[in-house]
PDB file of N, CA and C in Angstrom:
ATOM      1  N   MET A   1      -7.332 -12.126  -5.459  1.00  0.00           N
ATOM      2  CA  MET A   1      -7.323 -10.825  -5.162  1.00  0.00           C
ATOM      3  C   MET A   1      -8.882 -10.173  -5.725  1.00  0.00           C
ATOM      4  N   TYR A   2      -9.694  -9.521  -5.245  1.00  0.00           N
ATOM      5  CA  TYR A   2     -10.967  -9.043  -5.821  1.00  0.00           C
ATOM      6  C   TYR A   2     -11.154  -7.539  -5.056  1.00  0.00           C
ATOM      7  N   ARG A   3     -11.744  -6.823  -6.190  1.00  0.00           N
ATOM      8  CA  ARG A   3     -12.114  -5.425  -5.991  1.00  0.00           C
ATOM      9  C   ARG A   3     -13.480  -5.125  -5.743  1.00  0.00           C
ATOM     10  N   PHE A   4     -14.105  -4.837  -5.017  1.00  0.00           N
ATOM     11  CA  PHE A   4     -15.435  -4.250  -4.779  1.00  0.00           C
ATOM     12  C   PHE A   4     -15.651  -2.871  -4.139  1.00  0.00           C
ATOM     13  N   SER A   5     -16.879  -2.735  -4.310  1.00  0.00           N
ATOM     14  CA  SER A   5     -17.269  -1.185  -3.775  1.00  0.00           C
ATOM     15  C   SER A   5     -18.096  -0.898  -2.839  1.00  0.00           C
ATOM     16  N   ILE A   6     -18.211  -0.426  -2.201  1.00  0.00           N
ATOM     17  CA  ILE A   6     -19.239  -0.030  -0.846  1.00  0.00           C
ATOM     18  C   ILE A   6     -19.254   1.384  -0.978  1.00  0.00           C
ATOM     19  N   GLU A   7     -20.573   1.754  -0.864  1.00  0.00           N
ATOM     20  CA  GLU A   7     -20.771   3.354  -0.797  1.00  0.00           C
ATOM     21  C   GLU A   7     -19.891   4.237  -1.505  1.00  0.00           C
ATOM     22  N   GLY A   8     -19.124   4.186  -2.601  1.00  0.00           N
ATOM     23  CA  GLY A   8     -18.198   4.349  -3.522  1.00  0.00           C
ATOM     24  C   GLY A   8     -16.882   4.302  -3.000  1.00  0.00           C
ATOM     25  N   ASP A   9     -16.688   3.806  -1.962  1.00  0.00           N
ATOM     26  CA  ASP A   9     -15.224   3.568  -1.457  1.00  0.00           C
ATOM     27  C   ASP A   9     -15.014   2.132  -2.163  1.00  0.00           C
ATOM     28  N   GLU A  10     -13.436   2.210  -2.824  1.00  0.00           N
ATOM     29  CA  GLU A  10     -13.404   1.079  -3.576  1.00  0.00           C
ATOM     30  C   GLU A  10     -12.060   0.041  -2.517  1.00  0.00           C
ATOM     31  N   TRP A  11     -12.646  -1.241  -2.420  1.00  0.00           N
ATOM     32  CA  TRP A  11     -11.998  -2.086  -1.544  1.00  0.00           C
ATOM     33  C   TRP A  11     -11.188  -3.095  -2.320  1.00  0.00           C
ATOM     34  N   ILE A  12     -10.025  -3.297  -1.839  1.00  0.00           N
ATOM     35  CA  ILE A  12      -9.183  -4.911  -2.139  1.00  0.00           C
ATOM     36  C   ILE A  12      -9.531  -5.557  -1.301  1.00  0.00           C
ATOM     37  N   LEU A  13     -10.073  -7.188  -1.501  1.00  0.00           N
ATOM     38  CA  LEU A  13      -9.802  -8.202  -0.857  1.00  0.00           C
ATOM     39  C   LEU A  13      -8.888  -9.036  -1.293  1.00  0.00           C
ATOM     40  N   ARG A  14      -8.065  -9.436  -0.257  1.00  0.00           N
ATOM     41  CA  ARG A  14      -6.921 -10.440  -0.420  1.00  0.00           C
ATOM     42  C   ARG A  14      -6.740 -11.311   0.089  1.00  0.00           C
ATOM     43  N   PHE A  15      -6.041 -12.351   0.076  1.00  0.00           N
ATOM     44  CA  PHE A  15      -6.087 -13.490   0.676  1.00  0.00           C
ATOM     45  C   PHE A  15      -4.505 -13.605   1.255  1.00  0.00           C
ATOM     46  N   SER A  16      -3.992 -13.939   2.658  1.00  0.00           N
ATOM     47  CA  SER A  16      -2.774 -14.456   2.997  1.00  0.00           C
ATOM     48  C   SER A  16      -2.643 -15.655   2.328  1.00  0.00           C
ATOM     49  N   PRO A  17      -1.056 -15.555   1.866  1.00  0.00           N
ATOM     50  CA  PRO A  17      -0.484 -16.680   0.868  1.00  0.00           C
ATOM     51  C   PRO A  17      -0.746 -18.050   2.085  1.00  0.00           C
ATOM     52  N   GLN A  18      -0.810 -17.869   3.249  1.00  0.00           N
ATOM     53  CA  GLN A  18      -1.057 -19.233   4.267  1.00  0.00           C
ATOM     54  C   GLN A  18      -2.126 -19.652   4.402  1.00  0.00           C
ATOM     55  N   VAL A  19      -3.190 -18.884   3.797  1.00  0.00           N
ATOM     56  CA  VAL A  19      -4.463 -19.217   3.557  1.00  0.00           C
ATOM     57  C   VAL A  19      -4.902 -19.851   2.242  1.00  0.00           C
ATOM     58  N   TYR A  20      -5.407 -20.901   2.099  1.00  0.00           N
ATOM     59  CA  TYR A  20      -5.936 -21.733   1.041  1.00  0.00           C
ATOM     60  C   TYR A  20      -7.322 -21.972   1.015  1.00  0.00           C
ATOM     61  N   ILE A  21      -8.089 -21.503   0.196  1.00  0.00           N
ATOM     62  CA  ILE A  21      -9.234 -21.901  -0.015  1.00  0.00           C
ATOM     63  C   ILE A  21     -10.052 -21.518  -1.679  1.00  0.00           C
ATOM     64  N   ASP A  22     -10.870 -22.140  -1.953  1.00  0.00           N
ATOM     65  CA  ASP A  22     -11.377 -22.445  -3.031  1.00  0.00           C
ATOM     66  C   ASP A  22     -12.209 -21.330  -3.527  1.00  0.00           C
ATOM     67  N   SER A  23     -12.248 -21.234  -5.114  1.00  0.00           N
ATOM     68  CA  SER A  23     -12.764 -19.760  -5.551  1.00  0.00           C
ATOM     69  C   SER A  23     -14.245 -19.931  -4.823  1.00  0.00           C
ATOM     70  N   ASP A  24     -15.390 -20.829  -4.856  1.00  0.00           N
ATOM     71  CA  ASP A  24     -16.496 -20.741  -3.965  1.00  0.00           C
ATOM     72  C   ASP A  24     -16.838 -20.149  -2.470  1.00  0.00           C
ATOM     73  N   ASP A  25     -15.495 -20.491  -1.859  1.00  0.00           N
ATOM     74  CA  ASP A  25     -15.209 -20.080  -0.822  1.00  0.00           C
ATOM     75  C   ASP A  25     -15.158 -18.863  -0.778  1.00  0.00           C
ATOM     76  N   LYS A  26     -14.138 -18.169  -1.400  1.00  0.00           N
ATOM     77  CA  LYS A  26     -13.944 -16.920  -1.364  1.00  0.00           C
ATOM     78  C   LYS A  26     -14.669 -15.910  -2.068  1.00  0.00           C
ATOM     79  N   GLN A  27     -16.099 -16.381  -2.886  1.00  0.00           N
ATOM     80  CA  GLN A  27     -17.021 -15.639  -3.220  1.00  0.00           C
ATOM     81  C   GLN A  27     -17.748 -15.552  -1.636  1.00  0.00           C
ATOM     82  N   THR A  28     -18.310 -16.751  -1.005  1.00  0.00           N
ATOM     83  CA  THR A  28     -18.372 -16.657  -0.030  1.00  0.00           C
ATOM     84  C   THR A  28     -18.252 -15.416   0.908  1.00  0.00           C
ATOM     85  N   ILE A  29     -17.219 -15.547   0.922  1.00  0.00           N
ATOM     86  CA  ILE A  29     -16.500 -14.360   1.962  1.00  0.00           C
ATOM     87  C   ILE A  29     -16.749 -12.939   1.312  1.00  0.00           C
ATOM     88  N   LEU A  30     -16.628 -12.664   0.066  1.00  0.00           N
ATOM     89  CA  LEU A  30     -17.058 -11.562  -0.679  1.00  0.00           C
ATOM     90  C   LEU A  30     -18.267 -11.247  -0.219  1.00  0.00           C
ATOM     91  N   PHE A  31     -19.583 -12.009  -0.638  1.00  0.00           N
ATOM     92  CA  PHE A  31     -20.940 -11.595  -0.230  1.00  0.00           C
ATOM     93  C   PHE A  31     -20.974 -11.508   1.497  1.00  0.00           C
ATOM     94  N   ALA A  32     -20.222 -11.874   2.089  1.00  0.00           N
ATOM     95  CA  ALA A  32     -20.319 -11.690   3.699  1.00  0.00           C
ATOM     96  C   ALA A  32     -19.756 -10.144   3.743  1.00  0.00           C
ATOM     97  N   LEU A  33     -18.539  -9.831   3.113  1.00  0.00           N
ATOM     98  CA  LEU A  33     -18.221  -8.628   3.456  1.00  0.00           C
ATOM     99  C   LEU A  33     -19.566  -7.277   2.974  1.00  0.00           C
ATOM    100  N   LEU A  34     -20.070  -7.898   1.664  1.00  0.00           N
ATOM    101  CA  LEU A  34     -21.123  -6.857   0.962  1.00  0.00           C
ATOM    102  C   LEU A  34     -22.043  -6.962   1.786  1.00  0.00           C
ATOM    103  N   HIS A  35     -22.486  -8.107   2.993  1.00  0.00           N
ATOM    104  CA  HIS A  35     -23.430  -8.072   3.405  1.00  0.00           C
ATOM    105  C   HIS A  35     -23.530  -7.010   4.937  1.00  0.00           C
ATOM    106  N   ILE A  36     -22.078  -6.747   5.168  1.00  0.00           N
ATOM    107  CA  ILE A  36     -21.509  -5.763   6.423  1.00  0.00           C
ATOM    108  C   ILE A  36     -21.706  -4.278   5.709  1.00  0.00           C
ATOM    109  N   GLY A  37     -21.309  -4.388   4.392  1.00  0.00           N
ATOM    110  CA  GLY A  37     -21.555  -3.013   3.945  1.00  0.00           C
ATOM    111  C   GLY A  37     -20.807  -1.832   4.427  1.00  0.00           C
ATOM    112  N   VAL A  38     -21.791  -0.597   4.638  1.00  0.00           N
ATOM    113  CA  VAL A  38     -20.783   0.587   5.335  1.00  0.00           C
ATOM    114  C   VAL A  38     -20.481   0.524   7.032  1.00  0.00           C
ATOM    115  N   ASP A  39     -20.428  -0.574   7.561  1.00  0.00           N
ATOM    116  CA  ASP A  39     -20.130  -0.592   8.773  1.00  0.00           C
ATOM    117  C   ASP A  39     -18.461  -0.802   8.671  1.00  0.00           C
ATOM    118  N   LEU A  40     -17.951  -1.385   7.699  1.00  0.00           N
ATOM    119  CA  LEU A  40     -16.554  -1.420   7.114  1.00  0.00           C
ATOM    120  C   LEU A  40     -15.933  -0.086   7.488  1.00  0.00           C
ATOM    121  N   ASP A  41     -16.338   1.111   7.062  1.00  0.00           N
ATOM    122  CA  ASP A  41     -16.041   2.079   7.302  1.00  0.00           C
ATOM    123  C   ASP A  41     -15.576   2.496   8.907  1.00  0.00           C
ATOM    124  N   LYS A  42     -16.153   1.500   9.758  1.00  0.00           N
ATOM    125  CA  LYS A  42     -15.526   1.654  11.420  1.00  0.00           C
ATOM    126  C   LYS A  42     -14.387   1.430  11.597  1.00  0.00           C
ATOM    127  N   TYR A  43     -14.113   0.290  10.823  1.00  0.00           N
ATOM    128  CA  TYR A  43     -12.614  -0.252  11.106  1.00  0.00           C
ATOM    129  C   TYR A  43     -11.189   0.521  10.690  1.00  0.00           C
ATOM    130  N   SER A  44     -10.340   0.784  11.475  1.00  0.00           N
ATOM    131  CA  SER A  44      -9.448   1.753  11.269  1.00  0.00           C
ATOM    132  C   SER A  44      -8.428   1.024  10.992  1.00  0.00           C
ATOM    133  N   HIS A  45      -7.061   1.937  10.389  1.00  0.00           N
ATOM    134  CA  HIS A  45      -5.736   1.282   9.901  1.00  0.00           C
ATOM    135  C   HIS A  45      -5.370   0.506  10.776  1.00  0.00           C
ATOM    136  N   GLY A  46      -4.842  -0.740  10.609  1.00  0.00           N
ATOM    137  CA  GLY A  46      -4.104  -1.801  11.371  1.00  0.00           C
ATOM    138  C   GLY A  46      -5.445  -2.390  12.546  1.00  0.00           C
ATOM    139  N   SER A  47      -6.459  -2.266  12.749  1.00  0.00           N
ATOM    140  CA  SER A  47      -7.460  -3.018  13.325  1.00  0.00           C
ATOM    141  C   SER A  47      -7.794  -4.443  12.345  1.00  0.00           C
ATOM    142  N   ALA A  48      -8.443  -5.039  13.546  1.00  0.00           N
ATOM    143  CA  ALA A  48      -8.772  -6.848  12.818  1.00  0.00           C
ATOM    144  C   ALA A  48     -10.296  -6.996  12.948  1.00  0.00           C
ATOM    145  N   PHE A  49     -10.994  -7.786  12.391  1.00  0.00           N
ATOM    146  CA  PHE A  49     -12.384  -8.185  12.905  1.00  0.00           C
ATOM    147  C   PHE A  49     -12.101  -9.743  12.359  1.00  0.00           C
ATOM    148  N   ILE A  50     -13.609 -10.567  12.903  1.00  0.00           N
ATOM    149  CA  ILE A  50     -13.551 -11.774  12.184  1.00  0.00           C
ATOM    150  C   ILE A  50     -15.395 -11.927  11.922  1.00  0.00           C
ATOM    151  N   ILE A  51     -15.480 -12.524  10.966  1.00  0.00           N
ATOM    152  CA  ILE A  51     -16.958 -12.917  10.526  1.00  0.00           C
ATOM    153  C   ILE A  51     -16.747 -14.278  10.597  1.00  0.00           C
ATOM    154  N   PHE A  52     -17.842 -14.990  11.445  1.00  0.00           N
ATOM    155  CA  PHE A  52     -18.029 -16.450  11.611  1.00  0.00           C
ATOM    156  C   PHE A  52     -19.084 -17.007  10.406  1.00  0.00           C
ATOM    157  N   THR A  53     -18.769 -18.058   9.844  1.00  0.00           N
ATOM    158  CA  THR A  53     -19.932 -18.714   8.986  1.00  0.00           C
ATOM    159  C   THR A  53     -20.269 -20.004   9.407  1.00  0.00           C
ATOM    160  N   LYS A  54     -21.221 -20.539   9.273  1.00  0.00           N
ATOM    161  CA  LYS A  54     -21.235 -22.218   9.073  1.00  0.00           C
ATOM    162  C   LYS A  54     -20.189 -22.999   8.280  1.00  0.00           C
ATOM    163  N   LYS A  55     -20.667 -22.266   6.917  1.00  0.00           N
ATOM    164  CA  LYS A  55     -19.716 -23.094   5.915  1.00  0.00           C
ATOM    165  C   LYS A  55     -18.198 -23.003   6.141  1.00  0.00           C
ATOM    166  N   ILE A  56     -17.590 -21.831   6.365  1.00  0.00           N
ATOM    167  CA  ILE A  56     -16.147 -21.964   6.275  1.00  0.00           C
ATOM    168  C   ILE A  56     -15.568 -21.665   7.516  1.00  0.00           C
ATOM    169  N   GLY A  57     -16.424 -21.035   8.654  1.00  0.00           N
ATOM    170  CA  GLY A  57     -15.662 -20.785  10.009  1.00  0.00           C
ATOM    171  C   GLY A  57     -15.310 -19.666  10.524  1.00  0.00           C
ATOM    172  N   ALA A  58     -14.672 -19.247  11.149  1.00  0.00           N
ATOM    173  CA  ALA A  58     -14.230 -17.964  11.431  1.00  0.00           C
ATOM    174  C   ALA A  58     -12.908 -17.512  10.556  1.00  0.00           C
ATOM    175  N   ILE A  59     -13.373 -15.858  10.054  1.00  0.00           N
ATOM    176  CA  ILE A  59     -12.696 -15.610   9.274  1.00  0.00           C
ATOM    177  C   ILE A  59     -11.937 -14.355   9.634  1.00  0.00           C
ATOM    178  N   VAL A  60     -10.863 -14.311   9.653  1.00  0.00           N
ATOM    179  CA  VAL A  60     -10.123 -13.204  10.456  1.00  0.00           C
ATOM    180  C   VAL A  60      -9.814 -12.516   9.374  1.00  0.00           C
ATOM    181  N   PHE A  61      -9.792 -11.132   9.604  1.00  0.00           N
ATOM    182  CA  PHE A  61      -9.194  -9.684   8.215  1.00  0.00           C
ATOM    183  C   PHE A  61      -8.449  -8.822   9.184  1.00  0.00           C
ATOM    184  N   ASP A  62      -7.536  -8.411   8.545  1.00  0.00           N
ATOM    185  CA  ASP A  62      -6.770  -7.402   8.684  1.00  0.00           C
ATOM    186  C   ASP A  62      -6.707  -6.316   7.766  1.00  0.00           C
ATOM    187  N   VAL A  63      -7.246  -4.829   8.241  1.00  0.00           N
ATOM    188  CA  VAL A  63      -7.464  -3.872   7.679  1.00  0.00           C
ATOM    189  C   VAL A  63      -6.434  -3.167   7.433  1.00  0.00           C
ATOM    190  N   ASP A  64      -6.329  -2.533   5.976  1.00  0.00           N
ATOM    191  CA  ASP A  64      -5.188  -1.511   6.002  1.00  0.00           C
ATOM    192  C   ASP A  64      -5.877  -0.191   5.227  1.00  0.00           C
ATOM    193  N   ARG A  65      -5.439   0.786   5.624  1.00  0.00           N
ATOM    194  CA  ARG A  65      -6.178   1.996   4.827  1.00  0.00           C
ATOM    195  C   ARG A  65      -5.444   2.554   3.931  1.00  0.00           C
ATOM    196  N   ILE A  66      -4.068   2.238   4.064  1.00  0.00           N
ATOM    197  CA  ILE A  66      -3.120   2.994   3.673  1.00  0.00           C
ATOM    198  C   ILE A  66      -2.100   2.064   3.061  1.00  0.00           C
ATOM    199  N   PRO A  67      -1.878   2.361   1.616  1.00  0.00           N
ATOM    200  CA  PRO A  67      -2.189   3.465   0.641  1.00  0.00           C
ATOM    201  C   PRO A  67      -3.533   3.337  -0.032  1.00  0.00           C
ATOM    202  N   SER A  68      -4.187   2.010   0.120  1.00  0.00           N
ATOM    203  CA  SER A  68      -5.760   1.816  -0.117  1.00  0.00           C
ATOM    204  C   SER A  68      -6.233   1.220   0.966  1.00  0.00           C
ATOM    205  N   LEU A  69      -7.595   0.917   0.388  1.00  0.00           N
ATOM    206  CA  LEU A  69      -8.465   0.051   1.179  1.00  0.00           C
ATOM    207  C   LEU A  69      -8.546  -1.167   1.205  1.00  0.00           C
ATOM    208  N   ILE A  70      -7.770  -1.839   1.913  1.00  0.00           N
ATOM    209  CA  ILE A  70      -7.417  -3.295   1.497  1.00  0.00           C
ATOM    210  C   ILE A  70      -7.845  -4.181   2.799  1.00  0.00           C
ATOM    211  N   LEU A  71      -8.616  -5.205   2.827  1.00  0.00           N
ATOM    212  CA  LEU A  71      -9.126  -6.272   3.656  1.00  0.00           C
ATOM    213  C   LEU A  71      -7.987  -7.782   3.087  1.00  0.00           C
ATOM    214  N   THR A  72      -7.272  -8.148   4.239  1.00  0.00           N
ATOM    215  CA  THR A  72      -6.599  -9.029   4.143  1.00  0.00           C
ATOM    216  C   THR A  72      -7.165 -10.183   4.783  1.00  0.00           C
ATOM    217  N   VAL A  73      -7.688 -11.295   4.303  1.00  0.00           N
ATOM    218  CA  VAL A  73      -7.961 -12.581   4.828  1.00  0.00           C
ATOM    219  C   VAL A  73      -6.768 -13.259   5.446  1.00  0.00           C
ATOM    220  N   SER A  74      -6.614 -13.105   7.034  1.00  0.00           N
ATOM    221  CA  SER A  74      -5.020 -13.542   7.125  1.00  0.00           C
ATOM    222  C   SER A  74      -5.416 -14.998   8.116  1.00  0.00           C
ATOM    223  N   ASN A  75      -6.762 -15.546   8.185  1.00  0.00           N
ATOM    224  CA  ASN A  75      -6.674 -16.683   8.556  1.00  0.00           C
ATOM    225  C   ASN A  75      -8.384 -17.454   8.781  1.00  0.00           C
ATOM    226  N   ILE A  76      -8.227 -18.603   8.597  1.00  0.00           N
ATOM    227  CA  ILE A  76      -9.538 -19.023   8.628  1.00  0.00           C
ATOM    228  C   ILE A  76      -9.605 -20.141   9.765  1.00  0.00           C
ATOM    229  N   ILE A  77     -10.474 -20.357  10.832  1.00  0.00           N
ATOM    230  CA  ILE A  77     -10.428 -21.424  11.722  1.00  0.00           C
ATOM    231  C   ILE A  77     -11.622 -21.724  11.704  1.00  0.00           C
ATOM    232  N   PRO A  78     -11.324 -23.423  11.368  1.00  0.00           N
ATOM    233  CA  PRO A  78     -12.896 -24.328  11.324  1.00  0.00           C
ATOM    234  C   PRO A  78     -13.260 -24.277  12.148  1.00  0.00           C
ATOM    235  N   GLU A  79     -14.818 -24.530  12.544  1.00  0.00           N
ATOM    236  CA  GLU A  79     -15.502 -24.250  13.569  1.00  0.00           C
ATOM    237  C   GLU A  79     -15.152 -25.582  14.703  1.00  0.00           C
ATOM    238  N   ASP A  80     -14.454 -26.431  14.280  1.00  0.00           N
ATOM    239  CA  ASP A  80     -14.284 -27.814  14.966  1.00  0.00           C
ATOM    240  C   ASP A  80     -13.029 -27.541  15.614  1.00  0.00           C
ATOM    241  N   LYS A  81     -12.230 -26.342  15.331  1.00  0.00           N
ATOM    242  CA  LYS A  81     -11.238 -25.520  16.414  1.00  0.00           C
ATOM    243  C   LYS A  81     -11.356 -24.319  17.154  1.00  0.00           C
ATOM    244  N   TRP A  82     -12.881 -24.256  16.961  1.00  0.00           N
ATOM    245  CA  TRP A  82     -13.321 -23.054  18.052  1.00  0.00           C
ATOM    246  C   TRP A  82     -13.455 -23.533  19.496  1.00  0.00           C
ATOM    247  N   TYR A  83     -12.659 -22.467  20.440  1.00  0.00           N
ATOM    248  CA  TYR A  83     -13.123 -22.814  21.778  1.00  0.00           C
ATOM    249  C   TYR A  83     -13.969 -21.805  22.483  1.00  0.00           C
ATOM    250  N   SER A  84     -15.173 -22.533  22.844  1.00  0.00           N
ATOM    251  CA  SER A  84     -16.345 -21.249  23.575  1.00  0.00           C
ATOM    252  C   SER A  84     -16.464 -21.941  24.854  1.00  0.00           C
ATOM    253  N   ARG A  85     -16.340 -20.848  25.934  1.00  0.00           N
ATOM    254  CA  ARG A  85     -16.618 -21.359  27.214  1.00  0.00           C
ATOM    255  C   ARG A  85     -17.809 -20.518  27.707  1.00  0.00           C
ATOM    256  N   ASP A  86     -19.020 -21.324  27.545  1.00  0.00           N
ATOM    257  CA  ASP A  86     -20.050 -20.673  28.033  1.00  0.00           C
ATOM    258  C   ASP A  86     -20.604 -19.584  27.387  1.00  0.00           C
ATOM    259  N   PHE A  87     -20.432 -19.163  26.269  1.00  0.00           N
ATOM    260  CA  PHE A  87     -20.582 -17.798  25.477  1.00  0.00           C
ATOM    261  C   PHE A  87     -21.918 -18.073  24.556  1.00  0.00           C
ATOM    262  N   PRO A  88     -23.141 -17.991  25.532  1.00  0.00           N
ATOM    263  CA  PRO A  88     -24.202 -18.485  24.425  1.00  0.00           C
ATOM    264  C   PRO A  88     -24.620 -17.543  23.229  1.00  0.00           C
ATOM    265  N   SER A  89     -24.013 -16.114  23.581  1.00  0.00           N
ATOM    266  CA  SER A  89     -24.403 -15.070  22.261  1.00  0.00           C
ATOM    267  C   SER A  89     -23.583 -15.218  21.342  1.00  0.00           C
ATOM    268  N   MET A  90     -22.081 -16.401  21.227  1.00  0.00           N
ATOM    269  CA  MET A  90     -21.394 -16.767  20.283  1.00  0.00           C
ATOM    270  C   MET A  90     -21.701 -17.569  19.180  1.00  0.00           C
ATOM    271  N   LYS A  91     -22.527 -17.001  18.143  1.00  0.00           N
ATOM    272  CA  LYS A  91     -22.907 -18.259  17.552  1.00  0.00           C
ATOM    273  C   LYS A  91     -23.090 -17.702  15.937  1.00  0.00           C
ATOM    274  N   PRO A  92     -22.383 -18.614  15.240  1.00  0.00           N
ATOM    275  CA  PRO A  92     -22.064 -18.718  13.824  1.00  0.00           C
ATOM    276  C   PRO A  92     -23.153 -18.094  12.877  1.00  0.00           C
ATOM    277  N   LEU A  93     -22.692 -17.066  12.050  1.00  0.00           N
ATOM    278  CA  LEU A  93     -23.854 -16.787  10.948  1.00  0.00           C
ATOM    279  C   LEU A  93     -24.162 -17.732  10.089  1.00  0.00           C
ATOM    280  N   SER A  94     -24.863 -17.919   9.464  1.00  0.00           N
ATOM    281  CA  SER A  94     -25.456 -18.752   8.188  1.00  0.00           C
ATOM    282  C   SER A  94     -24.518 -18.701   7.084  1.00  0.00           C
TER     283      SER A  94
END
């Protein structure tokens, strides 16, 4: 579990028990979230979003705002498991 702050909001990043990743990948995920920054405020309680990275793959986040601002990594999907059907705009972030 990680705690981080963006624009005065205190967030908690946690990982679902079904997701196993090493500490370097966890840090990569945290830096990706810091890159999103204030845009995290746009996600309401109960919503989800995905970040694509070349190193890890698609990272699925669940958003909880009650009782705290919590992001849960609920799944990680490696790039070799993606299905893309003629979506040229869907490209992983570096």
